Protein backbone atom coordinates (compact mmCIF):
# COMPACT_ATOMS: atom_id res chain seq x y z
CA MET A 1 -4.19 -4.74 -28.12
CA SER A 2 -5.79 -7.60 -29.27
CA SER A 3 -8.44 -8.10 -31.83
CA PRO A 4 -11.76 -7.46 -31.25
CA LEU A 5 -13.66 -9.73 -28.62
CA GLN A 6 -16.82 -9.35 -30.71
CA ASP A 7 -17.90 -7.60 -33.90
CA PRO A 8 -21.56 -6.92 -33.90
CA GLU A 9 -23.08 -4.20 -36.40
CA ARG A 10 -23.82 -1.72 -33.84
CA GLU A 11 -20.84 -1.95 -31.21
CA ARG A 12 -17.33 -3.29 -31.20
CA GLU A 13 -15.42 -4.11 -28.18
CA TRP A 14 -11.68 -4.43 -27.45
CA ARG A 15 -9.62 -6.07 -24.44
CA VAL A 16 -6.45 -4.01 -23.75
CA ASP A 17 -3.60 -5.05 -22.14
CA LEU A 18 -1.28 -2.63 -20.91
CA ALA A 19 2.02 -3.23 -19.08
CA VAL A 20 3.53 -0.66 -16.77
CA ARG A 21 7.31 -0.94 -15.90
CA ALA A 22 9.32 0.74 -13.35
CA GLY A 23 13.24 1.71 -14.14
CA PRO A 24 16.15 0.77 -11.70
CA ALA A 25 16.14 1.68 -8.36
CA ALA A 26 18.11 5.06 -7.68
CA GLY A 27 21.38 4.57 -6.07
CA GLY A 28 23.02 6.79 -3.71
CA THR A 29 21.59 8.50 -0.32
CA VAL A 30 19.28 6.34 1.32
CA ALA A 31 16.64 8.02 2.82
CA PRO A 32 15.09 7.15 6.60
CA HIS A 33 11.89 5.55 6.71
CA GLY A 34 9.55 6.00 9.69
CA PHE A 35 7.54 3.16 11.13
CA ALA A 36 5.21 2.46 13.89
CA LEU A 37 4.17 -1.24 14.93
CA VAL A 38 1.20 -1.76 16.61
CA LEU A 39 1.22 -4.88 18.79
CA ASP A 40 -2.18 -6.51 19.54
CA ARG A 41 -1.54 -8.47 22.93
CA SER A 42 -5.62 -9.07 23.59
CA HIS A 43 -7.28 -11.73 24.64
CA PHE A 44 -7.74 -13.01 21.04
CA VAL A 45 -3.84 -13.52 21.02
CA SER A 46 -2.92 -16.86 22.97
CA PRO A 47 0.24 -16.49 25.17
CA VAL A 48 2.14 -18.72 22.58
CA GLN A 49 1.26 -16.12 19.73
CA TRP A 50 2.29 -13.03 21.85
CA GLN A 51 5.47 -14.71 22.81
CA ALA A 52 6.39 -15.29 19.07
CA LEU A 53 5.25 -11.75 18.02
CA ARG A 54 7.56 -10.34 20.82
CA ALA A 55 10.49 -12.30 19.64
CA GLY A 56 9.86 -11.75 15.94
CA VAL A 57 9.57 -7.90 16.38
CA VAL A 58 13.11 -8.06 18.25
CA ARG A 59 14.50 -10.15 15.47
CA GLY A 60 12.79 -8.08 12.69
CA ALA A 61 14.24 -4.90 14.06
CA GLU A 62 17.42 -5.93 12.65
CA ALA A 63 16.13 -5.69 9.25
CA PHE A 64 15.43 -2.00 9.73
CA ALA A 65 18.33 0.61 8.41
CA ALA A 66 20.20 2.45 11.23
CA GLN A 67 18.70 6.04 10.22
CA ASP A 68 15.27 4.49 10.15
CA TYR A 69 12.80 5.64 12.79
CA LEU A 70 10.64 3.48 14.94
CA ALA A 71 7.47 3.72 17.31
CA MET A 72 5.77 1.10 19.40
CA VAL A 73 2.28 1.02 20.28
CA LEU A 74 0.61 -1.61 22.52
CA VAL A 75 -3.20 -2.55 22.27
CA ASP A 76 -5.33 -4.33 24.39
CA ARG A 77 -8.63 -2.85 25.91
CA HIS A 78 -6.97 0.52 25.94
CA GLN A 79 -3.75 1.66 23.87
CA ARG A 80 -0.02 2.37 25.43
CA LEU A 81 2.67 4.18 23.52
CA LEU A 82 5.86 1.97 24.34
CA ALA A 83 8.15 4.16 22.23
CA SER A 84 7.91 7.56 20.19
CA PRO A 85 9.49 7.26 17.05
CA ALA A 86 13.37 6.94 17.80
CA GLN A 87 16.22 6.26 15.31
CA LEU A 88 17.12 2.69 15.38
CA GLY A 89 20.91 3.05 15.43
CA ALA A 90 23.26 0.63 15.47
CA ASP A 91 22.47 -1.00 18.65
CA ARG A 92 18.76 -2.48 18.64
CA ARG A 93 18.56 -3.96 22.40
CA TRP A 94 16.15 -0.94 23.28
CA VAL A 95 13.67 -2.83 21.13
CA ALA A 96 13.64 -5.76 23.43
CA ALA A 97 13.55 -3.47 26.62
CA GLN A 98 10.32 -1.92 25.55
CA LEU A 99 8.76 -5.42 25.29
CA ASP A 100 10.17 -6.94 28.56
CA GLY A 101 7.69 -8.04 30.90
CA GLU A 102 4.67 -7.48 28.64
CA ASP A 103 1.87 -10.25 28.61
CA VAL A 104 -1.38 -10.60 27.07
CA ALA A 105 -4.58 -8.81 28.51
CA ASP A 106 -8.11 -8.29 27.83
CA GLY A 107 -9.74 -6.28 25.19
CA ALA A 108 -8.78 -5.22 21.49
CA ASN A 109 -8.75 -1.54 21.10
CA LEU A 110 -7.35 -1.84 17.41
CA CYS A 111 -8.68 1.51 16.34
CA GLY A 112 -7.43 3.52 19.34
CA GLY A 113 -3.86 1.58 18.79
CA TRP A 114 -3.63 2.36 15.15
CA LEU A 115 -5.03 5.86 15.61
CA ARG A 116 -2.03 6.48 17.99
CA ALA A 117 0.57 5.17 15.34
CA ARG A 118 -0.82 7.67 12.82
CA GLN A 119 -0.67 10.24 15.40
CA GLN A 120 2.98 9.24 16.13
CA LEU A 121 4.14 9.25 12.34
CA ASP A 122 2.29 12.66 11.89
CA ASP A 123 4.48 14.01 14.91
CA ALA A 124 7.47 12.36 13.24
CA LEU A 125 6.91 14.18 9.60
CA TRP A 126 9.58 16.70 10.93
CA VAL A 127 12.18 13.84 10.72
CA THR A 128 11.09 12.10 7.49
CA GLY A 129 10.03 15.10 5.80
CA GLN A 130 13.51 16.45 5.44
CA HIS A 131 13.97 13.64 2.77
CA ALA A 132 11.54 13.38 -0.20
CA ALA A 133 11.88 10.09 -0.72
CA SER A 134 11.00 8.92 2.89
CA THR A 135 7.85 6.77 3.66
CA ARG A 136 6.05 6.45 6.78
CA ARG A 137 4.29 3.17 7.59
CA ILE A 138 2.11 1.50 10.18
CA LEU A 139 2.56 -2.11 11.01
CA LEU A 140 -0.61 -3.46 12.52
CA CYS A 141 0.05 -6.74 14.01
CA SER A 142 -3.14 -8.45 15.04
CA ALA A 143 -5.54 -11.24 15.14
CA GLY A 144 -7.96 -8.43 13.82
CA TYR A 145 -10.79 -8.61 16.20
CA PRO A 146 -11.62 -5.38 17.57
CA ASP A 147 -13.95 -5.39 20.62
CA THR A 148 -13.23 -2.02 22.15
CA GLY A 149 -13.86 1.62 20.49
CA ILE A 150 -14.59 1.64 16.67
CA ALA A 151 -15.06 -1.88 15.38
CA ASP A 152 -16.61 -1.38 12.14
CA ARG A 153 -14.81 -2.92 9.32
CA SER A 154 -15.73 -0.28 6.82
CA THR A 155 -14.76 2.68 9.02
CA LEU A 156 -11.44 0.90 9.92
CA VAL A 157 -10.83 0.58 6.06
CA GLU A 158 -11.61 4.03 5.41
CA LEU A 159 -9.44 5.20 8.03
CA ALA A 160 -6.46 3.16 6.36
CA ARG A 161 -7.54 4.99 3.04
CA GLY A 162 -7.56 8.21 4.33
CA ALA A 163 -4.24 8.22 5.98
CA ARG A 164 -2.65 6.80 2.81
CA HIS A 165 -3.74 9.99 1.15
CA ARG A 166 -1.83 11.90 4.08
CA GLY A 167 1.51 10.20 3.21
CA ILE A 168 0.93 7.44 5.85
CA SER A 169 0.68 3.77 4.58
CA THR A 170 -0.74 0.69 6.48
CA SER A 171 0.56 -2.98 6.00
CA THR A 172 -0.94 -6.00 8.35
CA LEU A 173 0.34 -8.86 10.09
CA ALA A 174 -2.32 -11.30 10.17
CA MET A 175 -1.49 -13.37 13.63
CA GLY A 176 -2.74 -16.78 14.42
CA ASP A 177 -4.58 -19.68 12.68
CA HIS A 178 -8.04 -17.92 12.38
CA PRO A 179 -7.35 -14.21 11.88
CA ASN A 180 -9.81 -11.55 10.49
CA LEU A 181 -8.49 -11.40 7.02
CA PRO A 182 -11.70 -9.18 5.80
CA LEU A 183 -10.63 -6.66 8.14
CA LEU A 184 -6.78 -6.74 7.65
CA GLU A 185 -6.67 -7.33 3.95
CA GLY A 186 -8.92 -4.64 3.76
CA MET A 187 -7.04 -1.91 5.74
CA ALA A 188 -3.74 -3.19 4.03
CA GLU A 189 -5.29 -2.64 0.60
CA ALA A 190 -6.93 0.48 1.21
CA GLY A 191 -3.77 1.55 3.02
CA GLY A 192 -1.44 0.76 0.30
CA GLY A 193 0.29 -1.97 2.02
CA GLN A 194 0.74 -5.69 2.17
CA CYS A 195 -1.17 -8.30 4.43
CA TYR A 196 1.24 -11.12 5.72
CA PRO A 197 -0.18 -14.08 7.31
CA VAL A 198 2.16 -14.78 10.29
CA ARG A 199 2.07 -17.80 13.19
CA THR A 200 5.74 -17.85 14.35
CA ASP A 201 8.45 -15.60 15.14
CA ALA A 202 10.34 -16.31 12.24
CA ASP A 203 6.99 -15.35 10.01
CA VAL A 204 6.82 -12.09 11.91
CA SER A 205 10.33 -11.07 11.53
CA ALA A 206 10.50 -12.41 7.76
CA ALA A 207 7.26 -9.94 7.20
CA ILE A 208 9.16 -6.92 8.71
CA ALA A 209 12.36 -7.80 6.92
CA GLU A 210 10.15 -7.80 3.59
CA GLU A 211 8.35 -4.60 4.38
CA ARG A 212 12.11 -2.85 4.96
CA ARG A 213 13.26 -4.76 1.65
CA ARG A 214 10.23 -3.19 -0.53
CA LEU A 215 10.64 -0.02 0.54
CA GLY A 216 14.41 -0.04 -0.34
CA LEU A 217 13.63 -1.60 -3.71
CA ARG A 218 11.23 1.21 -4.84
CA ALA A 219 11.44 2.94 -7.91
CA MET A 220 8.38 4.95 -8.03
CA ARG A 221 5.66 5.75 -5.73
CA GLY A 222 2.16 7.26 -6.12
CA VAL A 223 2.02 6.00 -9.59
CA VAL A 224 -1.81 5.95 -11.13
CA LEU A 225 -2.88 4.90 -14.51
CA ARG A 226 -5.38 7.23 -15.91
CA LEU A 227 -7.50 6.46 -18.86
CA VAL A 228 -9.25 9.29 -20.91
CA PRO A 229 -11.45 7.91 -23.48
CA SER A 230 -12.45 9.71 -26.87
CA ASP A 231 -16.12 10.70 -27.31
CA GLY A 232 -18.26 7.82 -27.88
CA VAL A 233 -15.87 5.27 -26.24
CA ARG A 234 -16.75 3.53 -22.94
CA VAL A 235 -14.05 2.03 -20.70
CA GLU A 236 -15.00 -0.87 -18.66
CA PRO A 237 -13.12 -2.63 -15.80
CA PRO A 238 -12.70 -6.38 -16.44
CA ASP A 239 -14.31 -9.27 -14.56
CA GLY A 240 -16.61 -7.00 -12.37
CA GLY A 241 -13.50 -4.90 -11.22
CA GLN A 242 -14.14 -1.21 -10.21
CA LEU A 243 -12.60 1.79 -12.06
CA SER A 244 -12.37 5.13 -10.12
CA PRO A 245 -13.92 8.23 -12.00
CA HIS A 246 -10.93 11.49 -12.02
CA PRO A 247 -11.76 15.05 -11.45
CA GLY A 248 -10.23 15.94 -14.72
CA GLY A 249 -12.12 13.34 -16.76
CA GLY A 250 -11.72 9.67 -17.44
CA VAL A 251 -10.99 7.03 -14.89
CA THR A 252 -8.03 5.91 -12.75
CA VAL A 253 -6.54 2.90 -11.68
CA PRO A 254 -3.94 3.06 -8.66
CA LEU A 255 -0.82 1.23 -9.07
CA ASP A 256 0.89 2.68 -5.77
CA ASP A 257 4.64 2.11 -5.50
CA LEU A 258 6.60 0.27 -8.44
CA LEU A 259 9.69 -1.87 -7.56
CA ALA A 260 12.73 -1.65 -9.64
CA ASP A 261 12.25 -3.28 -12.75
CA GLU A 262 8.82 -4.45 -11.74
CA GLU A 263 6.37 -4.79 -14.55
CA ARG A 264 2.42 -4.32 -13.59
CA GLN A 265 -0.16 -5.67 -15.94
CA VAL A 266 -3.38 -3.91 -16.28
CA VAL A 267 -6.59 -5.42 -18.36
CA ILE A 268 -9.41 -2.97 -19.37
CA HIS A 269 -12.21 -3.12 -22.05
CA LEU A 270 -13.08 -0.43 -24.21
CA ALA A 271 -16.20 -0.41 -26.43
CA CYS A 272 -17.94 2.04 -28.67
CA GLN A 273 -20.61 2.21 -31.48
CA HIS A 274 -19.21 0.63 -34.85
CA ALA A 275 -20.08 4.03 -36.43
CA GLN A 276 -18.11 5.83 -34.04
CA TRP A 277 -15.10 3.41 -34.41
CA GLU A 278 -15.17 4.24 -38.13
CA ARG A 279 -14.75 7.80 -37.63
CA LEU A 280 -12.03 7.31 -35.07
CA ARG A 281 -10.20 5.03 -37.46
CA ALA A 282 -10.61 7.16 -40.61
CA ALA A 283 -9.47 10.33 -38.27
CA GLN A 284 -6.43 7.95 -37.01
CA ALA A 285 -7.63 9.27 -33.65
CA PRO A 286 -7.06 7.19 -30.64
CA LEU A 287 -9.79 5.38 -28.63
CA ALA A 288 -8.43 6.65 -25.58
CA MET A 289 -5.01 8.29 -24.03
CA VAL A 290 -3.31 6.70 -21.07
CA HIS A 291 -1.72 8.77 -18.55
CA THR A 292 0.80 7.24 -16.33
CA ASP A 293 1.80 9.62 -13.45
CA GLY A 294 4.12 9.02 -10.49
CA GLU A 295 7.01 10.17 -8.43
CA ARG A 296 10.34 8.63 -9.61
CA PHE A 297 12.91 8.56 -6.78
CA THR A 298 16.41 9.98 -7.39
CA ALA A 299 19.82 9.18 -6.59
CA ARG A 300 20.02 12.24 -4.04
CA GLY A 301 17.22 10.75 -1.95
CA GLY A 302 14.50 13.25 -3.68
CA THR A 303 11.79 12.48 -6.22
CA GLU A 304 10.56 14.07 -9.32
CA TYR A 305 7.32 13.85 -10.86
CA ARG A 306 6.86 11.97 -14.21
CA THR A 307 4.11 11.60 -16.81
CA VAL A 308 3.94 9.23 -19.64
CA LEU A 309 1.11 9.53 -22.47
CA LEU A 310 0.18 6.71 -25.03
CA PRO A 311 -2.59 6.89 -27.19
CA VAL A 312 -4.62 3.82 -27.59
CA HIS A 313 -5.56 3.44 -31.37
CA PRO A 314 -8.25 1.56 -33.12
CA PRO A 315 -6.90 -1.58 -35.10
CA MET A 316 -6.75 -0.90 -38.53
């Protein structure tokens, strides 16, 4: 913790730099993961882009593990299930066979396609649910311009957020030269995933490979930083950011997955009246307590819940 940023007579303020670090990835049994690809072939995607997406998906499928499960949904004015969740296996030619002969079409019912993918992963819970360390993830490959069905950005973002709380995360592949990044980045952020700009088949396959690589390197998931200030102490987010209130008191900062040996930096501000600071310092009481909660992966493919408590004391 740094020295006070300012020292007025009536209030003191501090910048607190927190570093959350995950340990090494657990070895041992590798749990399968469930993926659902939502492929946008709407008129917002050029024929060249569509061919790049098809080729990239076929190449990217080689990055999945043989025990992973994959579903595919095609989106235009409607949505169509190309493949229910099926184990990839050693021979990936069936992925290319599902896309053979498909071309661009009119309309972009992105919400319908995303909901169909969510339903497929919900139905596949019986498969991945046998392994506590498994993850279910939607990969929305799209230019991001819905014109059929639900098209409101805030609604789509909230749908991704809700699915994340049900154990289904969302990443997006933003296709083309001018994708709708506010929508695609918003869904990925709310869905606990990543947004990848893609233009070529190599970009698509690299994004899919990176998604699978990140899942394999996870050391913890669902990590949440909770700050509980002492009486009279305010917690303020830096640089106009936002902090979410916690039902049990204090505020939270979601960190989601932590990769092996990854360090995540969190900066907050604490402030209180000068008299209260003197009382806390005299009593050797903390300005706040930091709770770090999350699930750590075990070598047997399971998880165990971990909580770390850290007091933040006022400077002497």
